[in-house]
Amino acid sequence: MAEKKNKSAKGKMGLGLRLKAWWEGYDADEIQKRIDARLPDEPVEEKPKKETAEETKSSEDIDPWSDEVVDIAQYIWGKGFCGPGGPEYIISLSKLLALSPEMSMMQIGAGLGGPARVLVDRFGVWMTGYEESENLVEKGRQLSKMAGLEKKAVLAQYNPDDIEGFDRKFDRALSKEALFTINDKRGVIEKIEDKLKPGGLFLMTEYMIDNDSVPGKDRYKEWAVGERNHPCPITADDMVGILKDNRLQVRVSEDISMQYIDMINQAWAGADAVAAKLAKQEDGATMIQTLMREAEFWTRRKKMLESGDLKLWRIVANKKSTGPSMMSDW
């Protein structure tokens, strides 16, 4: 019978220590090796690994937003959210849009619909959120129904490569970290501009690279491999150029990376408490493993943002109209 080192019988690092190591920039696996080297080996029977149903599928067919990942996301970011930026942030982010109950608004990258429901609740605007993940759309619709907002915070699945589903005109548009994985950014922006009413406003928060040499760096390549979908971010200047080419006047263009990093840090500061809750559940071991993978995922993103090679950018633009600009006083 084959034997191997039993790390669980040796000095295995606790979850809190591993998270702390990742967050402070240390290699958790290297620390584990040092712990193991100080303790005697213990033989353990090697059990054959069973292939799961997910592993038999093509990687292209697997929705990266599995039920477990969605659950962990909400533990970290809050109910209805799957990334940085809770209700207060969304409201503050949207303050320049002058939203009202008479307006309609589309969102690209709607996630679980958390931002859409916040804007409906705060401003009464009619939201239609487009999301690539089928699982996020399904669960987001359930959350909208539970909140009694299924008609005002509508979620729909879309294919970034075939965006003919935008079948109406909107007063406002929002894209929240949704374009950096889409190759044809120009095509998406063109479609958004087409669906905006004259004088309509477009708010975007997006991952941007600092300059065109960044994709050639090793740390960028390592980050890209670990993303849910293959990233292809561009520079902020290039994005502004695409907006202008599509008759959108850029009024605000700013780097908000530091605020974003702070939100990541604040959310993950409570990871130990999340792990303690998960440990009490029947599927706790599986969920904790998912938590660990998500911690690694966001550690990689945070390191890229801290390096300055990757930035989180906020842009506000308006569609040209025949009348006076709505933003002339900015």
C-alpha atoms as a PDB file:
ATOM      1  CA  MET A   1       0.000   0.000   0.000  1.00  0.00           C
ATOM      2  CA  ALA A   2       1.390   3.390  -0.980  1.00  0.00           C
ATOM      3  CA  GLU A   3       2.340   5.749   1.794  1.00  0.00           C
ATOM      4  CA  LYS A   4       2.728   9.523   1.936  1.00  0.00           C
ATOM      5  CA  LYS A   5       3.249  12.188   4.550  1.00  0.00           C
ATOM      6  CA  ASN A   6       0.134  12.896   6.565  1.00  0.00           C
ATOM      7  CA  LYS A   7       0.067  16.648   6.924  1.00  0.00           C
ATOM      8  CA  SER A   8      -3.113  16.549   8.937  1.00  0.00           C
ATOM      9  CA  ALA A   9      -1.387  14.430  11.570  1.00  0.00           C
ATOM     10  CA  LYS A  10       1.542  16.805  11.604  1.00  0.00           C
ATOM     11  CA  GLY A  11       1.565  20.474  12.487  1.00  0.00           C
ATOM     12  CA  LYS A  12      -1.065  21.679  10.051  1.00  0.00           C
ATOM     13  CA  MET A  13      -1.540  25.445   9.891  1.00  0.00           C
ATOM     14  CA  GLY A  14      -4.847  26.722  11.138  1.00  0.00           C
ATOM     15  CA  LEU A  15      -7.151  28.642   8.830  1.00  0.00           C
ATOM     16  CA  GLY A  16      -6.518  31.897  10.633  1.00  0.00           C
ATOM     17  CA  LEU A  17      -2.750  31.574  10.216  1.00  0.00           C
ATOM     18  CA  ARG A  18      -3.038  30.693   6.529  1.00  0.00           C
ATOM     19  CA  LEU A  19      -5.301  33.680   5.850  1.00  0.00           C
ATOM     20  CA  LYS A  20      -2.971  35.975   7.792  1.00  0.00           C
ATOM     21  CA  ALA A  21       0.031  34.656   5.851  1.00  0.00           C
ATOM     22  CA  TRP A  22      -1.659  35.235   2.494  1.00  0.00           C
ATOM     23  CA  TRP A  23      -2.893  38.683   3.444  1.00  0.00           C
ATOM     24  CA  GLU A  24       0.540  39.842   4.657  1.00  0.00           C
ATOM     25  CA  GLY A  25       2.300  38.587   1.549  1.00  0.00           C
ATOM     26  CA  TYR A  26       3.872  35.369   2.857  1.00  0.00           C
ATOM     27  CA  ASP A  27       3.793  32.002   1.108  1.00  0.00           C
ATOM     28  CA  ALA A  28       1.489  29.854   3.269  1.00  0.00           C
ATOM     29  CA  ASP A  29       2.683  26.612   1.640  1.00  0.00           C
ATOM     30  CA  GLU A  30       6.308  27.470   2.396  1.00  0.00           C
ATOM     31  CA  ILE A  31       5.440  28.119   6.049  1.00  0.00           C
ATOM     32  CA  GLN A  32       3.640  24.761   6.137  1.00  0.00           C
ATOM     33  CA  LYS A  33       6.745  23.024   4.784  1.00  0.00           C
ATOM     34  CA  ARG A  34       8.846  24.546   7.584  1.00  0.00           C
ATOM     35  CA  ILE A  35       6.352  23.312  10.165  1.00  0.00           C
ATOM     36  CA  ASP A  36       6.355  19.826   8.656  1.00  0.00           C
ATOM     37  CA  ALA A  37      10.154  19.688   8.603  1.00  0.00           C
ATOM     38  CA  ARG A  38      10.257  20.035  12.392  1.00  0.00           C
ATOM     39  CA  LEU A  39       7.884  17.113  13.035  1.00  0.00           C
ATOM     40  CA  PRO A  40       8.230  13.358  12.380  1.00  0.00           C
ATOM     41  CA  ASP A  41       6.514  11.809   9.386  1.00  0.00           C
ATOM     42  CA  GLU A  42       3.528   9.531   9.927  1.00  0.00           C
ATOM     43  CA  PRO A  43       2.445   7.022   7.285  1.00  0.00           C
ATOM     44  CA  VAL A  44      -1.086   7.162   6.057  1.00  0.00           C
ATOM     45  CA  GLU A  45      -3.004   4.976   3.670  1.00  0.00           C
ATOM     46  CA  GLU A  46      -3.458   6.725   0.350  1.00  0.00           C
ATOM     47  CA  LYS A  47      -7.071   6.657  -0.757  1.00  0.00           C
ATOM     48  CA  PRO A  48      -7.835   6.615  -4.478  1.00  0.00           C
ATOM     49  CA  LYS A  49      -9.176   9.921  -5.700  1.00  0.00           C
ATOM     50  CA  LYS A  50     -12.666   9.818  -7.112  1.00  0.00           C
ATOM     51  CA  GLU A  51     -13.376  11.922 -10.145  1.00  0.00           C
ATOM     52  CA  THR A  52     -16.205  14.320  -9.477  1.00  0.00           C
ATOM     53  CA  ALA A  53     -18.926  15.198 -11.938  1.00  0.00           C
ATOM     54  CA  GLU A  54     -17.534  18.709 -12.240  1.00  0.00           C
ATOM     55  CA  GLU A  55     -14.115  17.355 -13.222  1.00  0.00           C
ATOM     56  CA  THR A  56     -15.594  15.338 -16.075  1.00  0.00           C
ATOM     57  CA  LYS A  57     -17.018  18.477 -17.672  1.00  0.00           C
ATOM     58  CA  SER A  58     -15.142  20.686 -20.087  1.00  0.00           C
ATOM     59  CA  SER A  59     -13.764  23.781 -18.377  1.00  0.00           C
ATOM     60  CA  GLU A  60     -15.689  25.871 -20.885  1.00  0.00           C
ATOM     61  CA  ASP A  61     -18.975  24.353 -19.694  1.00  0.00           C
ATOM     62  CA  ILE A  62     -18.452  25.006 -15.984  1.00  0.00           C
ATOM     63  CA  ASP A  63     -19.954  28.105 -14.422  1.00  0.00           C
ATOM     64  CA  PRO A  64     -17.201  29.442 -12.102  1.00  0.00           C
ATOM     65  CA  TRP A  65     -19.958  30.684  -9.801  1.00  0.00           C
ATOM     66  CA  SER A  66     -20.849  27.362  -8.186  1.00  0.00           C
ATOM     67  CA  ASP A  67     -23.334  27.242  -5.303  1.00  0.00           C
ATOM     68  CA  GLU A  68     -20.454  27.032  -2.819  1.00  0.00           C
ATOM     69  CA  VAL A  69     -18.633  30.039  -4.296  1.00  0.00           C
ATOM     70  CA  VAL A  70     -21.849  32.090  -4.319  1.00  0.00           C
ATOM     71  CA  ASP A  71     -22.489  31.240  -0.660  1.00  0.00           C
ATOM     72  CA  ILE A  72     -18.933  32.157   0.384  1.00  0.00           C
ATOM     73  CA  ALA A  73     -19.130  35.406  -1.590  1.00  0.00           C
ATOM     74  CA  GLN A  74     -22.203  36.467   0.365  1.00  0.00           C
ATOM     75  CA  TYR A  75     -20.551  35.533   3.677  1.00  0.00           C
ATOM     76  CA  ILE A  76     -17.662  37.855   2.791  1.00  0.00           C
ATOM     77  CA  TRP A  77     -19.300  40.701   0.854  1.00  0.00           C
ATOM     78  CA  GLY A  78     -22.851  40.651   2.218  1.00  0.00           C
ATOM     79  CA  LYS A  79     -26.182  39.179   1.136  1.00  0.00           C
ATOM     80  CA  GLY A  80     -26.798  39.727  -2.550  1.00  0.00           C
ATOM     81  CA  PHE A  81     -23.210  40.814  -3.289  1.00  0.00           C
ATOM     82  CA  CYS A  82     -20.338  38.889  -4.839  1.00  0.00           C
ATOM     83  CA  GLY A  83     -17.567  41.495  -4.793  1.00  0.00           C
ATOM     84  CA  PRO A  84     -16.335  44.670  -3.060  1.00  0.00           C
ATOM     85  CA  GLY A  85     -18.802  47.502  -2.484  1.00  0.00           C
ATOM     86  CA  GLY A  86     -21.863  47.242  -0.260  1.00  0.00           C
ATOM     87  CA  PRO A  87     -25.013  49.419  -0.175  1.00  0.00           C
ATOM     88  CA  GLU A  88     -23.341  52.626   1.062  1.00  0.00           C
ATOM     89  CA  TYR A  89     -20.637  52.380  -1.593  1.00  0.00           C
ATOM     90  CA  ILE A  90     -23.166  51.764  -4.385  1.00  0.00           C
ATOM     91  CA  ILE A  91     -25.265  54.768  -3.327  1.00  0.00           C
ATOM     92  CA  SER A  92     -22.198  57.016  -3.080  1.00  0.00           C
ATOM     93  CA  LEU A  93     -20.879  55.744  -6.416  1.00  0.00           C
ATOM     94  CA  SER A  94     -24.166  56.578  -8.140  1.00  0.00           C
ATOM     95  CA  LYS A  95     -24.778  60.023  -6.635  1.00  0.00           C
ATOM     96  CA  LEU A  96     -23.846  61.860  -9.840  1.00  0.00           C
ATOM     97  CA  LEU A  97     -26.440  59.955 -11.856  1.00  0.00           C
ATOM     98  CA  ALA A  98     -29.406  61.921 -10.406  1.00  0.00           C
ATOM     99  CA  LEU A  99     -31.579  58.798 -10.331  1.00  0.00           C
ATOM    100  CA  SER A 100     -35.350  59.016  -9.879  1.00  0.00           C
ATOM    101  CA  PRO A 101     -38.421  56.701  -9.931  1.00  0.00           C
ATOM    102  CA  GLU A 102     -39.230  57.831 -13.477  1.00  0.00           C
ATOM    103  CA  MET A 103     -35.939  56.476 -14.831  1.00  0.00           C
ATOM    104  CA  SER A 104     -34.821  53.112 -16.148  1.00  0.00           C
ATOM    105  CA  MET A 105     -31.272  51.821 -15.831  1.00  0.00           C
ATOM    106  CA  MET A 106     -29.341  48.900 -17.295  1.00  0.00           C
ATOM    107  CA  GLN A 107     -26.424  47.215 -15.564  1.00  0.00           C
ATOM    108  CA  ILE A 108     -23.719  45.075 -17.136  1.00  0.00           C
ATOM    109  CA  GLY A 109     -22.209  42.603 -14.677  1.00  0.00           C
ATOM    110  CA  ALA A 110     -25.210  42.489 -12.353  1.00  0.00           C
ATOM    111  CA  GLY A 111     -23.891  39.628 -10.219  1.00  0.00           C
ATOM    112  CA  LEU A 112     -26.519  38.584  -7.672  1.00  0.00           C
ATOM    113  CA  GLY A 113     -28.404  41.845  -8.203  1.00  0.00           C
ATOM    114  CA  GLY A 114     -27.346  43.428  -4.915  1.00  0.00           C
ATOM    115  CA  PRO A 115     -26.395  46.811  -6.444  1.00  0.00           C
ATOM    116  CA  ALA A 116     -29.588  46.850  -8.541  1.00  0.00           C
ATOM    117  CA  ARG A 117     -31.815  46.241  -5.516  1.00  0.00           C
ATOM    118  CA  VAL A 118     -29.974  48.924  -3.523  1.00  0.00           C
ATOM    119  CA  LEU A 119     -30.576  51.503  -6.261  1.00  0.00           C
ATOM    120  CA  VAL A 120     -34.231  50.497  -6.602  1.00  0.00           C
ATOM    121  CA  ASP A 121     -34.734  50.755  -2.859  1.00  0.00           C
ATOM    122  CA  ARG A 122     -32.889  54.071  -2.496  1.00  0.00           C
ATOM    123  CA  PHE A 123     -33.933  55.923  -5.660  1.00  0.00           C
ATOM    124  CA  GLY A 124     -36.928  54.002  -7.038  1.00  0.00           C
ATOM    125  CA  VAL A 125     -35.221  53.575 -10.430  1.00  0.00           C
ATOM    126  CA  TRP A 126     -36.280  50.641 -12.639  1.00  0.00           C
ATOM    127  CA  MET A 127     -33.295  48.287 -13.017  1.00  0.00           C
ATOM    128  CA  THR A 128     -32.491  45.637 -15.629  1.00  0.00           C
ATOM    129  CA  GLY A 129     -29.300  43.751 -14.819  1.00  0.00           C
ATOM    130  CA  TYR A 130     -27.422  41.652 -17.377  1.00  0.00           C
ATOM    131  CA  GLU A 131     -25.181  38.891 -16.041  1.00  0.00           C
ATOM    132  CA  GLU A 132     -23.116  36.221 -17.792  1.00  0.00           C
ATOM    133  CA  SER A 133     -23.351  33.533 -15.069  1.00  0.00           C
ATOM    134  CA  GLU A 134     -26.542  31.493 -15.227  1.00  0.00           C
ATOM    135  CA  ASN A 135     -26.229  30.534 -11.571  1.00  0.00           C
ATOM    136  CA  LEU A 136     -25.869  34.154 -10.435  1.00  0.00           C
ATOM    137  CA  VAL A 137     -28.933  35.132 -12.467  1.00  0.00           C
ATOM    138  CA  GLU A 138     -31.022  32.311 -11.019  1.00  0.00           C
ATOM    139  CA  LYS A 139     -30.049  33.055  -7.427  1.00  0.00           C
ATOM    140  CA  GLY A 140     -30.299  36.809  -7.971  1.00  0.00           C
ATOM    141  CA  ARG A 141     -33.846  36.452  -9.261  1.00  0.00           C
ATOM    142  CA  GLN A 142     -34.744  34.527  -6.120  1.00  0.00           C
ATOM    143  CA  LEU A 143     -33.328  37.319  -3.966  1.00  0.00           C
ATOM    144  CA  SER A 144     -35.251  39.971  -5.932  1.00  0.00           C
ATOM    145  CA  LYS A 145     -38.452  37.961  -5.495  1.00  0.00           C
ATOM    146  CA  MET A 146     -37.856  37.587  -1.764  1.00  0.00           C
ATOM    147  CA  ALA A 147     -37.408  41.352  -1.543  1.00  0.00           C
ATOM    148  CA  GLY A 148     -40.586  41.974  -3.539  1.00  0.00           C
ATOM    149  CA  LEU A 149     -38.545  43.618  -6.298  1.00  0.00           C
ATOM    150  CA  GLU A 150     -38.789  41.021  -9.070  1.00  0.00           C
ATOM    151  CA  LYS A 151     -40.428  43.601 -11.379  1.00  0.00           C
ATOM    152  CA  LYS A 152     -38.142  46.538 -10.544  1.00  0.00           C
ATOM    153  CA  ALA A 153     -34.797  44.720 -10.165  1.00  0.00           C
ATOM    154  CA  VAL A 154     -34.901  42.351 -13.134  1.00  0.00           C
ATOM    155  CA  LEU A 155     -31.963  40.059 -13.932  1.00  0.00           C
ATOM    156  CA  ALA A 156     -31.281  38.493 -17.312  1.00  0.00           C
ATOM    157  CA  GLN A 157     -28.487  36.280 -18.609  1.00  0.00           C
ATOM    158  CA  TYR A 158     -26.513  37.542 -21.591  1.00  0.00           C
ATOM    159  CA  ASN A 159     -23.602  36.462 -23.744  1.00  0.00           C
ATOM    160  CA  PRO A 160     -20.860  39.120 -23.957  1.00  0.00           C
ATOM    161  CA  ASP A 161     -20.089  37.885 -27.477  1.00  0.00           C
ATOM    162  CA  ASP A 162     -23.722  38.287 -28.571  1.00  0.00           C
ATOM    163  CA  ILE A 163     -25.355  41.229 -26.830  1.00  0.00           C
ATOM    164  CA  GLU A 164     -28.481  41.576 -28.937  1.00  0.00           C
ATOM    165  CA  GLY A 165     -30.545  41.025 -25.794  1.00  0.00           C
ATOM    166  CA  PHE A 166     -30.548  44.741 -24.903  1.00  0.00           C
ATOM    167  CA  ASP A 167     -33.979  45.355 -26.380  1.00  0.00           C
ATOM    168  CA  ARG A 168     -35.027  48.753 -25.020  1.00  0.00           C
ATOM    169  CA  LYS A 169     -33.790  52.276 -24.307  1.00  0.00           C
ATOM    170  CA  PHE A 170     -32.524  53.322 -20.875  1.00  0.00           C
ATOM    171  CA  ASP A 171     -31.981  56.629 -19.082  1.00  0.00           C
ATOM    172  CA  ARG A 172     -28.874  55.377 -17.298  1.00  0.00           C
ATOM    173  CA  ALA A 173     -26.293  52.597 -17.630  1.00  0.00           C
ATOM    174  CA  LEU A 174     -23.934  50.986 -15.117  1.00  0.00           C
ATOM    175  CA  SER A 175     -21.073  48.557 -15.662  1.00  0.00           C
ATOM    176  CA  LYS A 176     -19.408  47.231 -12.505  1.00  0.00           C
ATOM    177  CA  GLU A 177     -16.114  45.395 -13.137  1.00  0.00           C
ATOM    178  CA  ALA A 178     -17.685  43.609 -16.099  1.00  0.00           C
ATOM    179  CA  LEU A 179     -15.715  44.600 -19.207  1.00  0.00           C
ATOM    180  CA  PHE A 180     -12.168  43.512 -18.350  1.00  0.00           C
ATOM    181  CA  THR A 181     -12.891  39.912 -19.412  1.00  0.00           C
ATOM    182  CA  ILE A 182     -14.606  40.908 -22.682  1.00  0.00           C
ATOM    183  CA  ASN A 183     -12.403  41.063 -25.773  1.00  0.00           C
ATOM    184  CA  ASP A 184     -14.735  43.211 -27.858  1.00  0.00           C
ATOM    185  CA  LYS A 185     -15.009  46.164 -25.485  1.00  0.00           C
ATOM    186  CA  ARG A 186     -15.670  48.513 -28.358  1.00  0.00           C
ATOM    187  CA  GLY A 187     -18.670  46.426 -29.417  1.00  0.00           C
ATOM    188  CA  VAL A 188     -20.136  46.419 -25.906  1.00  0.00           C
ATOM    189  CA  ILE A 189     -19.658  50.183 -25.478  1.00  0.00           C
ATOM    190  CA  GLU A 190     -21.246  50.760 -28.877  1.00  0.00           C
ATOM    191  CA  LYS A 191     -24.272  48.708 -27.806  1.00  0.00           C
ATOM    192  CA  ILE A 192     -24.572  50.547 -24.485  1.00  0.00           C
ATOM    193  CA  GLU A 193     -24.428  53.917 -26.242  1.00  0.00           C
ATOM    194  CA  ASP A 194     -27.104  52.768 -28.673  1.00  0.00           C
ATOM    195  CA  LYS A 195     -29.424  51.783 -25.819  1.00  0.00           C
ATOM    196  CA  LEU A 196     -28.922  55.039 -23.910  1.00  0.00           C
ATOM    197  CA  LYS A 197     -31.431  57.814 -24.452  1.00  0.00           C
ATOM    198  CA  PRO A 198     -30.024  61.191 -25.591  1.00  0.00           C
ATOM    199  CA  GLY A 199     -28.461  62.879 -22.569  1.00  0.00           C
ATOM    200  CA  GLY A 200     -28.279  59.560 -20.731  1.00  0.00           C
ATOM    201  CA  LEU A 201     -25.465  58.879 -18.258  1.00  0.00           C
ATOM    202  CA  PHE A 202     -23.089  55.922 -18.143  1.00  0.00           C
ATOM    203  CA  LEU A 203     -21.166  54.979 -14.976  1.00  0.00           C
ATOM    204  CA  MET A 204     -18.359  52.447 -15.170  1.00  0.00           C
ATOM    205  CA  THR A 205     -16.010  50.938 -12.590  1.00  0.00           C
ATOM    206  CA  GLU A 206     -13.409  48.752 -14.250  1.00  0.00           C
ATOM    207  CA  TYR A 207     -10.066  47.023 -13.850  1.00  0.00           C
ATOM    208  CA  MET A 208      -7.471  48.778 -16.019  1.00  0.00           C
ATOM    209  CA  ILE A 209      -3.797  48.105 -16.618  1.00  0.00           C
ATOM    210  CA  ASP A 210      -1.329  50.907 -15.901  1.00  0.00           C
ATOM    211  CA  ASN A 211       0.344  50.632 -19.302  1.00  0.00           C
ATOM    212  CA  ASP A 212       0.619  48.322 -22.305  1.00  0.00           C
ATOM    213  CA  SER A 213       3.740  46.568 -20.978  1.00  0.00           C
ATOM    214  CA  VAL A 214       1.933  45.103 -17.937  1.00  0.00           C
ATOM    215  CA  PRO A 215       0.592  41.926 -19.669  1.00  0.00           C
ATOM    216  CA  GLY A 216       4.185  40.883 -20.372  1.00  0.00           C
ATOM    217  CA  LYS A 217       5.096  40.742 -16.679  1.00  0.00           C
ATOM    218  CA  ASP A 218       5.281  37.416 -14.817  1.00  0.00           C
ATOM    219  CA  ARG A 219       3.074  38.561 -11.951  1.00  0.00           C
ATOM    220  CA  TYR A 220       0.380  39.622 -14.406  1.00  0.00           C
ATOM    221  CA  LYS A 221       0.490  36.212 -16.080  1.00  0.00           C
ATOM    222  CA  GLU A 222       0.255  34.447 -12.712  1.00  0.00           C
ATOM    223  CA  TRP A 223      -2.734  36.611 -11.774  1.00  0.00           C
ATOM    224  CA  ALA A 224      -4.473  36.032 -15.111  1.00  0.00           C
ATOM    225  CA  VAL A 225      -4.230  32.241 -14.793  1.00  0.00           C
ATOM    226  CA  GLY A 226      -6.045  32.346 -11.450  1.00  0.00           C
ATOM    227  CA  GLU A 227      -8.990  34.475 -12.615  1.00  0.00           C
ATOM    228  CA  ARG A 228     -12.481  32.970 -13.099  1.00  0.00           C
ATOM    229  CA  ASN A 229     -12.533  34.161 -16.705  1.00  0.00           C
ATOM    230  CA  HIS A 230      -9.540  35.119 -18.816  1.00  0.00           C
ATOM    231  CA  PRO A 231      -8.849  38.833 -18.254  1.00  0.00           C
ATOM    232  CA  CYS A 232      -7.950  41.233 -21.048  1.00  0.00           C
ATOM    233  CA  PRO A 233      -7.933  44.690 -19.410  1.00  0.00           C
ATOM    234  CA  ILE A 234      -6.850  47.809 -21.290  1.00  0.00           C
ATOM    235  CA  THR A 235      -5.503  51.154 -20.119  1.00  0.00           C
ATOM    236  CA  ALA A 236      -7.789  53.918 -18.868  1.00  0.00           C
ATOM    237  CA  ASP A 237      -6.679  56.122 -21.775  1.00  0.00           C
ATOM    238  CA  ASP A 238      -7.689  53.443 -24.261  1.00  0.00           C
ATOM    239  CA  MET A 239     -11.082  53.049 -22.566  1.00  0.00           C
ATOM    240  CA  VAL A 240     -11.685  56.795 -22.628  1.00  0.00           C
ATOM    241  CA  GLY A 241     -10.793  56.751 -26.316  1.00  0.00           C
ATOM    242  CA  ILE A 242     -13.377  54.030 -27.011  1.00  0.00           C
ATOM    243  CA  LEU A 243     -16.045  56.007 -25.167  1.00  0.00           C
ATOM    244  CA  LYS A 244     -15.280  59.161 -27.125  1.00  0.00           C
ATOM    245  CA  ASP A 245     -15.316  57.237 -30.413  1.00  0.00           C
ATOM    246  CA  ASN A 246     -18.855  56.155 -29.518  1.00  0.00           C
ATOM    247  CA  ARG A 247     -20.183  59.682 -28.948  1.00  0.00           C
ATOM    248  CA  LEU A 248     -19.908  59.510 -25.153  1.00  0.00           C
ATOM    249  CA  GLN A 249     -18.527  62.587 -23.392  1.00  0.00           C
ATOM    250  CA  VAL A 250     -16.280  61.637 -20.476  1.00  0.00           C
ATOM    251  CA  ARG A 251     -16.927  63.850 -17.442  1.00  0.00           C
ATOM    252  CA  VAL A 252     -15.223  61.918 -14.640  1.00  0.00           C
ATOM    253  CA  SER A 253     -12.197  59.630 -14.929  1.00  0.00           C
ATOM    254  CA  GLU A 254     -10.423  58.713 -11.709  1.00  0.00           C
ATOM    255  CA  ASP A 255      -8.357  55.983 -10.066  1.00  0.00           C
ATOM    256  CA  ILE A 256     -10.216  54.605  -7.009  1.00  0.00           C
ATOM    257  CA  SER A 257      -7.861  51.682  -6.365  1.00  0.00           C
ATOM    258  CA  MET A 258      -7.016  52.637  -2.780  1.00  0.00           C
ATOM    259  CA  GLN A 259     -10.681  52.790  -1.788  1.00  0.00           C
ATOM    260  CA  TYR A 260     -11.210  49.430  -3.455  1.00  0.00           C
ATOM    261  CA  ILE A 261      -8.250  47.849  -1.656  1.00  0.00           C
ATOM    262  CA  ASP A 262      -9.612  49.156   1.654  1.00  0.00           C
ATOM    263  CA  MET A 263     -12.971  47.498   0.939  1.00  0.00           C
ATOM    264  CA  ILE A 264     -11.239  44.196   0.193  1.00  0.00           C
ATOM    265  CA  ASN A 265      -9.248  44.392   3.432  1.00  0.00           C
ATOM    266  CA  GLN A 266     -12.288  45.278   5.528  1.00  0.00           C
ATOM    267  CA  ALA A 267     -14.381  42.441   4.118  1.00  0.00           C
ATOM    268  CA  TRP A 268     -11.722  39.759   4.541  1.00  0.00           C
ATOM    269  CA  ALA A 269     -10.833  40.921   8.051  1.00  0.00           C
ATOM    270  CA  GLY A 270     -13.823  38.876   9.190  1.00  0.00           C
ATOM    271  CA  ALA A 271     -12.755  35.643   7.467  1.00  0.00           C
ATOM    272  CA  ASP A 272     -11.893  33.914  10.762  1.00  0.00           C
ATOM    273  CA  ALA A 273     -15.421  34.491  12.044  1.00  0.00           C
ATOM    274  CA  VAL A 274     -16.830  33.142   8.773  1.00  0.00           C
ATOM    275  CA  ALA A 275     -14.666  30.020   9.089  1.00  0.00           C
ATOM    276  CA  ALA A 276     -15.889  29.456  12.660  1.00  0.00           C
ATOM    277  CA  LYS A 277     -19.502  29.546  11.453  1.00  0.00           C
ATOM    278  CA  LEU A 278     -18.786  27.237   8.551  1.00  0.00           C
ATOM    279  CA  ALA A 279     -17.063  24.695  10.800  1.00  0.00           C
ATOM    280  CA  LYS A 280     -20.377  24.095  12.574  1.00  0.00           C
ATOM    281  CA  GLN A 281     -22.206  23.228   9.364  1.00  0.00           C
ATOM    282  CA  GLU A 282     -22.637  19.716   8.002  1.00  0.00           C
ATOM    283  CA  ASP A 283     -20.746  20.656   4.837  1.00  0.00           C
ATOM    284  CA  GLY A 284     -18.282  22.793   6.776  1.00  0.00           C
ATOM    285  CA  ALA A 285     -15.113  21.131   5.476  1.00  0.00           C
ATOM    286  CA  THR A 286     -16.085  21.689   1.841  1.00  0.00           C
ATOM    287  CA  MET A 287     -17.158  25.260   2.491  1.00  0.00           C
ATOM    288  CA  ILE A 288     -13.938  26.084   4.329  1.00  0.00           C
ATOM    289  CA  GLN A 289     -11.945  24.774   1.372  1.00  0.00           C
ATOM    290  CA  THR A 290     -13.955  27.099  -0.873  1.00  0.00           C
ATOM    291  CA  LEU A 291     -13.303  29.966   1.538  1.00  0.00           C
ATOM    292  CA  MET A 292      -9.573  29.283   1.332  1.00  0.00           C
ATOM    293  CA  ARG A 293      -9.647  29.292  -2.481  1.00  0.00           C
ATOM    294  CA  GLU A 294     -11.555  32.572  -2.477  1.00  0.00           C
ATOM    295  CA  ALA A 295      -9.026  34.043  -0.046  1.00  0.00           C
ATOM    296  CA  GLU A 296      -6.236  33.132  -2.449  1.00  0.00           C
ATOM    297  CA  PHE A 297      -8.220  34.542  -5.382  1.00  0.00           C
ATOM    298  CA  TRP A 298      -8.724  37.933  -3.729  1.00  0.00           C
ATOM    299  CA  THR A 299      -5.167  37.995  -2.392  1.00  0.00           C
ATOM    300  CA  ARG A 300      -3.877  37.747  -5.969  1.00  0.00           C
ATOM    301  CA  ARG A 301      -6.162  40.551  -7.124  1.00  0.00           C
ATOM    302  CA  LYS A 302      -5.238  42.743  -4.185  1.00  0.00           C
ATOM    303  CA  LYS A 303      -1.511  42.258  -4.813  1.00  0.00           C
ATOM    304  CA  MET A 304      -1.963  43.302  -8.436  1.00  0.00           C
ATOM    305  CA  LEU A 305      -3.810  46.433  -7.339  1.00  0.00           C
ATOM    306  CA  GLU A 306      -1.185  47.215  -4.700  1.00  0.00           C
ATOM    307  CA  SER A 307       1.581  46.847  -7.290  1.00  0.00           C
ATOM    308  CA  GLY A 308      -0.032  49.564  -9.400  1.00  0.00           C
ATOM    309  CA  ASP A 309       0.048  47.396 -12.519  1.00  0.00           C
ATOM    310  CA  LEU A 310      -3.701  46.892 -12.148  1.00  0.00           C
ATOM    311  CA  LYS A 311      -6.033  49.718 -11.169  1.00  0.00           C
ATOM    312  CA  LEU A 312      -9.727  50.110 -10.389  1.00  0.00           C
ATOM    313  CA  TRP A 313     -11.012  53.063 -12.407  1.00  0.00           C
ATOM    314  CA  ARG A 314     -14.263  55.021 -12.204  1.00  0.00           C
ATOM    315  CA  ILE A 315     -15.568  56.745 -15.314  1.00  0.00           C
ATOM    316  CA  VAL A 316     -18.774  58.753 -15.804  1.00  0.00           C
ATOM    317  CA  ALA A 317     -19.834  59.739 -19.312  1.00  0.00           C
ATOM    318  CA  ASN A 318     -22.944  61.127 -20.963  1.00  0.00           C
ATOM    319  CA  LYS A 319     -24.477  60.563 -24.357  1.00  0.00           C
ATOM    320  CA  LYS A 320     -24.511  63.652 -26.509  1.00  0.00           C
ATOM    321  CA  SER A 321     -27.907  65.241 -26.974  1.00  0.00           C
ATOM    322  CA  THR A 322     -29.317  68.104 -29.001  1.00  0.00           C
ATOM    323  CA  GLY A 323     -30.173  70.045 -25.850  1.00  0.00           C
ATOM    324  CA  PRO A 324     -27.917  71.493 -23.136  1.00  0.00           C
ATOM    325  CA  SER A 325     -25.695  68.978 -21.401  1.00  0.00           C
ATOM    326  CA  MET A 326     -27.137  67.649 -18.153  1.00  0.00           C
ATOM    327  CA  MET A 327     -23.652  67.753 -16.671  1.00  0.00           C
ATOM    328  CA  SER A 328     -22.616  71.232 -17.808  1.00  0.00           C
ATOM    329  CA  ASP A 329     -22.326  72.459 -14.240  1.00  0.00           C
ATOM    330  CA  TRP A 330     -19.859  69.736 -13.125  1.00  0.00           C
END
